[in-house]
Amino acid sequence: RCEDGPQWWRLSFARPMHLVQLTLHNRADFRYRMVGATVALRHQNTSTLASFRMGAGRSLYVLTLAPALDAVSEIEIRSPSPSSCLHFSELEAFGAPQAEVRGGRPTLDPNPDP
């Protein structure tokens, strides 16, 4: 049993990101603890760009962002209730720094024109 309110984990990017997918690897021994947890992607002004609620206890959650999200500054994962524990093993965020995206797609040019 966990105490002191809902548990959370936050990733803050050094600069805004263009994200296309998130993959959350759950712990096999505590899969049920992600049921009801929320994943929020936020802008630097803290407005929520997208939010997802985890359903069944899975070992892997793949969240495809369609359309892709621009200007994501942080990802936060919160446990579903004040007494529940938050357990997962890894979060992968797929995308590119916002400054390297042109027309909604990452550029391969290391020195893109301003």
C-alpha atoms as a PDB file:
ATOM      1  CA  ARG A   1       0.000   0.000   0.000  1.00  0.00           C
ATOM      2  CA  CYS A   2       1.308   3.427  -0.917  1.00  0.00           C
ATOM      3  CA  GLU A   3       0.564   6.554   1.066  1.00  0.00           C
ATOM      4  CA  ASP A   4       0.842  10.351   0.858  1.00  0.00           C
ATOM      5  CA  GLY A   5      -1.512  10.876  -2.080  1.00  0.00           C
ATOM      6  CA  PRO A   6      -1.295   9.794  -5.691  1.00  0.00           C
ATOM      7  CA  GLN A   7       2.187   8.852  -6.812  1.00  0.00           C
ATOM      8  CA  TRP A   8       3.564  10.437  -9.964  1.00  0.00           C
ATOM      9  CA  TRP A   9       6.560  10.409 -12.276  1.00  0.00           C
ATOM     10  CA  ARG A  10       7.485  13.271 -14.600  1.00  0.00           C
ATOM     11  CA  LEU A  11       9.857  13.666 -17.537  1.00  0.00           C
ATOM     12  CA  SER A  12      10.693  17.264 -18.488  1.00  0.00           C
ATOM     13  CA  PHE A  13      12.360  17.781 -21.848  1.00  0.00           C
ATOM     14  CA  ALA A  14      15.180  20.330 -22.137  1.00  0.00           C
ATOM     15  CA  ARG A  15      13.439  21.729 -25.225  1.00  0.00           C
ATOM     16  CA  PRO A  16       9.985  21.203 -26.798  1.00  0.00           C
ATOM     17  CA  MET A  17       9.490  17.919 -28.643  1.00  0.00           C
ATOM     18  CA  HIS A  18       7.441  16.682 -31.602  1.00  0.00           C
ATOM     19  CA  LEU A  19       6.180  13.248 -30.457  1.00  0.00           C
ATOM     20  CA  VAL A  20       4.609  10.488 -32.538  1.00  0.00           C
ATOM     21  CA  GLN A  21       4.480   7.563 -30.092  1.00  0.00           C
ATOM     22  CA  LEU A  22       4.956   6.533 -26.467  1.00  0.00           C
ATOM     23  CA  THR A  23       5.772   3.014 -25.337  1.00  0.00           C
ATOM     24  CA  LEU A  24       5.364   2.193 -21.656  1.00  0.00           C
ATOM     25  CA  HIS A  25       6.978  -1.010 -20.403  1.00  0.00           C
ATOM     26  CA  ASN A  26       5.189  -2.264 -17.328  1.00  0.00           C
ATOM     27  CA  ARG A  27       6.680  -4.406 -14.579  1.00  0.00           C
ATOM     28  CA  ALA A  28       5.563  -8.009 -15.023  1.00  0.00           C
ATOM     29  CA  ASP A  29       5.153  -8.533 -11.285  1.00  0.00           C
ATOM     30  CA  PHE A  30       2.943  -5.428 -10.769  1.00  0.00           C
ATOM     31  CA  ARG A  31       1.019  -5.084 -14.056  1.00  0.00           C
ATOM     32  CA  TYR A  32      -2.289  -4.404 -12.300  1.00  0.00           C
ATOM     33  CA  ARG A  33      -0.889  -1.242 -10.660  1.00  0.00           C
ATOM     34  CA  MET A  34      -1.008   0.647 -13.968  1.00  0.00           C
ATOM     35  CA  VAL A  35      -4.757   0.019 -14.391  1.00  0.00           C
ATOM     36  CA  GLY A  36      -6.428   3.429 -14.190  1.00  0.00           C
ATOM     37  CA  ALA A  37      -3.158   5.391 -14.216  1.00  0.00           C
ATOM     38  CA  THR A  38      -3.042   8.464 -16.465  1.00  0.00           C
ATOM     39  CA  VAL A  39      -0.371   9.636 -18.875  1.00  0.00           C
ATOM     40  CA  ALA A  40      -0.483  13.366 -19.648  1.00  0.00           C
ATOM     41  CA  LEU A  41       1.578  15.210 -22.265  1.00  0.00           C
ATOM     42  CA  ARG A  42       1.947  18.914 -21.528  1.00  0.00           C
ATOM     43  CA  HIS A  43       3.034  22.122 -23.217  1.00  0.00           C
ATOM     44  CA  GLN A  44       5.630  24.344 -21.489  1.00  0.00           C
ATOM     45  CA  ASN A  45       2.774  26.544 -20.221  1.00  0.00           C
ATOM     46  CA  THR A  46       1.470  23.384 -18.419  1.00  0.00           C
ATOM     47  CA  SER A  47      -1.658  23.064 -20.579  1.00  0.00           C
ATOM     48  CA  THR A  48      -2.476  19.425 -21.321  1.00  0.00           C
ATOM     49  CA  LEU A  49      -2.038  18.526 -25.000  1.00  0.00           C
ATOM     50  CA  ALA A  50      -3.254  14.923 -24.605  1.00  0.00           C
ATOM     51  CA  SER A  51      -4.146  12.543 -21.797  1.00  0.00           C
ATOM     52  CA  PHE A  52      -4.560   8.763 -21.741  1.00  0.00           C
ATOM     53  CA  ARG A  53      -5.981   6.415 -19.086  1.00  0.00           C
ATOM     54  CA  MET A  54      -4.444   2.958 -18.862  1.00  0.00           C
ATOM     55  CA  GLY A  55      -7.000   0.142 -19.174  1.00  0.00           C
ATOM     56  CA  ALA A  56      -6.224  -3.515 -18.538  1.00  0.00           C
ATOM     57  CA  GLY A  57      -2.993  -4.517 -16.798  1.00  0.00           C
ATOM     58  CA  ARG A  58      -0.619  -5.130 -19.696  1.00  0.00           C
ATOM     59  CA  SER A  59       3.088  -5.709 -19.897  1.00  0.00           C
ATOM     60  CA  LEU A  60       3.359  -3.154 -22.728  1.00  0.00           C
ATOM     61  CA  TYR A  61       1.294  -0.097 -23.676  1.00  0.00           C
ATOM     62  CA  VAL A  62       1.849   1.521 -27.082  1.00  0.00           C
ATOM     63  CA  LEU A  63       0.266   4.956 -27.479  1.00  0.00           C
ATOM     64  CA  THR A  64       0.367   6.157 -31.083  1.00  0.00           C
ATOM     65  CA  LEU A  65      -0.222   9.893 -31.246  1.00  0.00           C
ATOM     66  CA  ALA A  66      -2.365  10.604 -34.303  1.00  0.00           C
ATOM     67  CA  PRO A  67      -1.911  13.301 -35.210  1.00  0.00           C
ATOM     68  CA  ALA A  68       1.570  13.736 -33.771  1.00  0.00           C
ATOM     69  CA  LEU A  69       1.852  16.260 -30.938  1.00  0.00           C
ATOM     70  CA  ASP A  70       3.921  19.417 -31.234  1.00  0.00           C
ATOM     71  CA  ALA A  71       5.627  21.404 -28.486  1.00  0.00           C
ATOM     72  CA  VAL A  72       5.514  18.687 -25.806  1.00  0.00           C
ATOM     73  CA  SER A  73       7.573  19.854 -22.828  1.00  0.00           C
ATOM     74  CA  GLU A  74       6.754  17.166 -20.276  1.00  0.00           C
ATOM     75  CA  ILE A  75       5.192  13.766 -19.772  1.00  0.00           C
ATOM     76  CA  GLU A  76       3.600  12.921 -16.440  1.00  0.00           C
ATOM     77  CA  ILE A  77       2.304   9.551 -15.239  1.00  0.00           C
ATOM     78  CA  ARG A  78      -0.006   9.483 -12.180  1.00  0.00           C
ATOM     79  CA  SER A  79      -1.268   6.569 -10.151  1.00  0.00           C
ATOM     80  CA  PRO A  80      -5.052   6.049 -10.260  1.00  0.00           C
ATOM     81  CA  SER A  81      -5.797   6.755  -6.601  1.00  0.00           C
ATOM     82  CA  PRO A  82      -4.170   8.197  -3.461  1.00  0.00           C
ATOM     83  CA  SER A  83      -3.531   4.742  -2.003  1.00  0.00           C
ATOM     84  CA  SER A  84      -2.223   2.999  -5.131  1.00  0.00           C
ATOM     85  CA  CYS A  85       1.432   2.516  -6.005  1.00  0.00           C
ATOM     86  CA  LEU A  86       2.955   3.530  -9.323  1.00  0.00           C
ATOM     87  CA  HIS A  87       5.212   0.882 -10.879  1.00  0.00           C
ATOM     88  CA  PHE A  88       6.586   0.613 -14.413  1.00  0.00           C
ATOM     89  CA  SER A  89       9.999  -0.206 -15.811  1.00  0.00           C
ATOM     90  CA  GLU A  90      10.561   2.086 -18.807  1.00  0.00           C
ATOM     91  CA  LEU A  91       8.986   4.830 -20.901  1.00  0.00           C
ATOM     92  CA  GLU A  92      10.125   5.426 -24.482  1.00  0.00           C
ATOM     93  CA  ALA A  93       9.151   8.641 -26.277  1.00  0.00           C
ATOM     94  CA  PHE A  94       9.547   8.622 -30.065  1.00  0.00           C
ATOM     95  CA  GLY A  95       9.881  11.860 -31.991  1.00  0.00           C
ATOM     96  CA  ALA A  96      12.308  14.709 -32.529  1.00  0.00           C
ATOM     97  CA  PRO A  97      13.135  18.108 -31.050  1.00  0.00           C
ATOM     98  CA  GLN A  98      10.513  20.577 -32.271  1.00  0.00           C
ATOM     99  CA  ALA A  99      13.205  22.798 -33.845  1.00  0.00           C
ATOM    100  CA  GLU A 100      14.137  19.902 -36.172  1.00  0.00           C
ATOM    101  CA  VAL A 101      10.600  19.411 -37.531  1.00  0.00           C
ATOM    102  CA  ARG A 102       9.473  20.986 -40.792  1.00  0.00           C
ATOM    103  CA  GLY A 103       5.943  20.570 -42.148  1.00  0.00           C
ATOM    104  CA  GLY A 104       5.042  18.087 -39.418  1.00  0.00           C
ATOM    105  CA  ARG A 105       7.947  15.740 -40.198  1.00  0.00           C
ATOM    106  CA  PRO A 106      11.439  15.465 -38.687  1.00  0.00           C
ATOM    107  CA  THR A 107      14.149  16.752 -41.005  1.00  0.00           C
ATOM    108  CA  LEU A 108      17.292  14.750 -41.664  1.00  0.00           C
ATOM    109  CA  ASP A 109      19.322  17.857 -42.441  1.00  0.00           C
ATOM    110  CA  PRO A 110      21.692  18.547 -39.502  1.00  0.00           C
ATOM    111  CA  ASN A 111      21.712  22.269 -40.441  1.00  0.00           C
ATOM    112  CA  PRO A 112      18.155  23.108 -41.536  1.00  0.00           C
ATOM    113  CA  ASP A 113      17.472  26.574 -42.921  1.00  0.00           C
ATOM    114  CA  PRO A 114      15.889  28.939 -40.385  1.00  0.00           C
END
